[in-house]
Amino acid sequence: MSSLLRKVAARLEILDVLLPKVARQANRLLDLVGGPLVGALMLSAGIKTYRDGGSVGWPVAGSALLLINLCVAWRRLARHRKPTPTP
C-alpha cells in the first residue's frame, strides 16, 4: 500500500510543477483568441447589418470593440514576456 501512496505522491508532485505552466499557456491562448475573436465577430456582424440597411453604429461599435480587445490582449501579453537582460 505504501508503494501505491508513493506513486500517487510522485504524480501529484509532477502535477504541481506542470499545472501552473499549462495554466499560463491556456491564459495566453485565451487572451489572444477570446477577446479579439469576439470583436472580429461583432465587426463582421455589424458590417453585414449595415449592408442590409441597418445603422452605421453597428460597424463602429464592432471596430471599437475589436480595437479595445486587441489593446487588452497586447498589454496582457506584454506582462508575460521575459524582460530583456541589462548588460
C-alpha atoms as a PDB file:
ATOM      1  CA  MET A   1       0.000   0.000   0.000  1.00  0.00           C
ATOM      2  CA  SER A   2       2.833   2.392   0.752  1.00  0.00           C
ATOM      3  CA  SER A   3       4.295   1.938  -2.753  1.00  0.00           C
ATOM      4  CA  LEU A   4       0.941   2.959  -4.196  1.00  0.00           C
ATOM      5  CA  LEU A   5       0.914   6.040  -1.986  1.00  0.00           C
ATOM      6  CA  ARG A   6       4.447   6.908  -3.105  1.00  0.00           C
ATOM      7  CA  LYS A   7       3.429   6.615  -6.760  1.00  0.00           C
ATOM      8  CA  VAL A   8       0.402   8.832  -6.202  1.00  0.00           C
ATOM      9  CA  ALA A   9       2.509  11.372  -4.310  1.00  0.00           C
ATOM     10  CA  ALA A  10       5.101  11.400  -7.116  1.00  0.00           C
ATOM     11  CA  ARG A  11       2.413  12.027  -9.710  1.00  0.00           C
ATOM     12  CA  LEU A  12       0.929  14.823  -7.621  1.00  0.00           C
ATOM     13  CA  GLU A  13       4.338  16.461  -7.378  1.00  0.00           C
ATOM     14  CA  ILE A  14       4.632  16.331 -11.167  1.00  0.00           C
ATOM     15  CA  LEU A  15       1.194  17.921 -11.443  1.00  0.00           C
ATOM     16  CA  ASP A  16       2.238  20.676  -9.034  1.00  0.00           C
ATOM     17  CA  VAL A  17       5.074  21.536 -11.396  1.00  0.00           C
ATOM     18  CA  LEU A  18       3.202  21.195 -14.695  1.00  0.00           C
ATOM     19  CA  LEU A  19      -0.169  22.664 -13.780  1.00  0.00           C
ATOM     20  CA  PRO A  20       0.965  26.306 -13.405  1.00  0.00           C
ATOM     21  CA  LYS A  21       2.809  26.108 -16.729  1.00  0.00           C
ATOM     22  CA  VAL A  22      -0.245  24.719 -18.514  1.00  0.00           C
ATOM     23  CA  ALA A  23      -2.466  27.330 -16.862  1.00  0.00           C
ATOM     24  CA  ARG A  24      -0.179  30.169 -18.033  1.00  0.00           C
ATOM     25  CA  GLN A  25      -0.217  28.865 -21.605  1.00  0.00           C
ATOM     26  CA  ALA A  26      -4.007  28.491 -21.544  1.00  0.00           C
ATOM     27  CA  ASN A  27      -4.304  32.043 -20.213  1.00  0.00           C
ATOM     28  CA  ARG A  28      -2.175  33.355 -23.097  1.00  0.00           C
ATOM     29  CA  LEU A  29      -4.247  31.431 -25.625  1.00  0.00           C
ATOM     30  CA  LEU A  30      -7.494  32.791 -24.237  1.00  0.00           C
ATOM     31  CA  ASP A  31      -6.075  36.328 -24.229  1.00  0.00           C
ATOM     32  CA  LEU A  32      -5.223  36.033 -27.898  1.00  0.00           C
ATOM     33  CA  VAL A  33      -8.303  34.216 -29.107  1.00  0.00           C
ATOM     34  CA  GLY A  34     -11.075  35.217 -26.726  1.00  0.00           C
ATOM     35  CA  GLY A  35     -11.194  38.987 -26.895  1.00  0.00           C
ATOM     36  CA  PRO A  36     -10.144  39.795 -30.457  1.00  0.00           C
ATOM     37  CA  LEU A  37     -12.271  36.962 -31.816  1.00  0.00           C
ATOM     38  CA  VAL A  38     -15.383  38.414 -30.202  1.00  0.00           C
ATOM     39  CA  GLY A  39     -14.516  41.859 -31.569  1.00  0.00           C
ATOM     40  CA  ALA A  40     -13.959  40.489 -35.081  1.00  0.00           C
ATOM     41  CA  LEU A  41     -17.290  38.656 -34.980  1.00  0.00           C
ATOM     42  CA  MET A  42     -19.057  41.828 -33.809  1.00  0.00           C
ATOM     43  CA  LEU A  43     -17.404  43.823 -36.587  1.00  0.00           C
ATOM     44  CA  SER A  44     -18.398  41.313 -39.269  1.00  0.00           C
ATOM     45  CA  ALA A  45     -21.974  41.171 -37.971  1.00  0.00           C
ATOM     46  CA  GLY A  46     -22.060  44.984 -37.897  1.00  0.00           C
ATOM     47  CA  ILE A  47     -20.858  45.246 -41.489  1.00  0.00           C
ATOM     48  CA  LYS A  48     -23.454  42.699 -42.605  1.00  0.00           C
ATOM     49  CA  THR A  49     -26.195  44.566 -40.738  1.00  0.00           C
ATOM     50  CA  TYR A  50     -25.082  47.870 -42.248  1.00  0.00           C
ATOM     51  CA  ARG A  51     -25.110  46.397 -45.765  1.00  0.00           C
ATOM     52  CA  ASP A  52     -28.640  45.118 -45.160  1.00  0.00           C
ATOM     53  CA  GLY A  53     -29.807  48.647 -44.328  1.00  0.00           C
ATOM     54  CA  GLY A  54     -29.023  48.837 -40.625  1.00  0.00           C
ATOM     55  CA  SER A  55     -27.437  51.595 -38.624  1.00  0.00           C
ATOM     56  CA  VAL A  56     -23.816  52.654 -39.122  1.00  0.00           C
ATOM     57  CA  GLY A  57     -23.432  52.324 -35.356  1.00  0.00           C
ATOM     58  CA  TRP A  58     -23.049  48.552 -35.589  1.00  0.00           C
ATOM     59  CA  PRO A  59     -19.788  48.571 -37.578  1.00  0.00           C
ATOM     60  CA  VAL A  60     -18.488  51.461 -35.476  1.00  0.00           C
ATOM     61  CA  ALA A  61     -19.240  49.558 -32.265  1.00  0.00           C
ATOM     62  CA  GLY A  62     -17.689  46.394 -33.693  1.00  0.00           C
ATOM     63  CA  SER A  63     -14.490  48.164 -34.698  1.00  0.00           C
ATOM     64  CA  ALA A  64     -14.258  49.885 -31.306  1.00  0.00           C
ATOM     65  CA  LEU A  65     -14.721  46.563 -29.528  1.00  0.00           C
ATOM     66  CA  LEU A  66     -12.086  44.917 -31.732  1.00  0.00           C
ATOM     67  CA  LEU A  67      -9.546  47.688 -31.078  1.00  0.00           C
ATOM     68  CA  ILE A  68     -10.160  47.612 -27.330  1.00  0.00           C
ATOM     69  CA  ASN A  69      -9.789  43.829 -27.208  1.00  0.00           C
ATOM     70  CA  LEU A  70      -6.575  43.976 -29.237  1.00  0.00           C
ATOM     71  CA  CYS A  71      -5.141  46.586 -26.842  1.00  0.00           C
ATOM     72  CA  VAL A  72      -6.069  44.465 -23.831  1.00  0.00           C
ATOM     73  CA  ALA A  73      -4.514  41.342 -25.368  1.00  0.00           C
ATOM     74  CA  TRP A  74      -1.345  43.272 -26.246  1.00  0.00           C
ATOM     75  CA  ARG A  75      -0.966  44.597 -22.692  1.00  0.00           C
ATOM     76  CA  ARG A  76      -1.578  41.183 -21.147  1.00  0.00           C
ATOM     77  CA  LEU A  77       0.939  39.521 -23.432  1.00  0.00           C
ATOM     78  CA  ALA A  78       3.478  42.243 -22.651  1.00  0.00           C
ATOM     79  CA  ARG A  79       3.301  41.192 -18.997  1.00  0.00           C
ATOM     80  CA  HIS A  80       4.088  37.596 -19.924  1.00  0.00           C
ATOM     81  CA  ARG A  81       7.171  38.442 -21.960  1.00  0.00           C
ATOM     82  CA  LYS A  82      10.529  37.937 -20.360  1.00  0.00           C
ATOM     83  CA  PRO A  83      12.379  41.190 -19.659  1.00  0.00           C
ATOM     84  CA  THR A  84      15.455  41.860 -21.723  1.00  0.00           C
ATOM     85  CA  PRO A  85      18.653  41.473 -19.716  1.00  0.00           C
ATOM     86  CA  THR A  86      20.604  44.643 -18.995  1.00  0.00           C
ATOM     87  CA  PRO A  87      24.311  44.439 -19.883  1.00  0.00           C
END
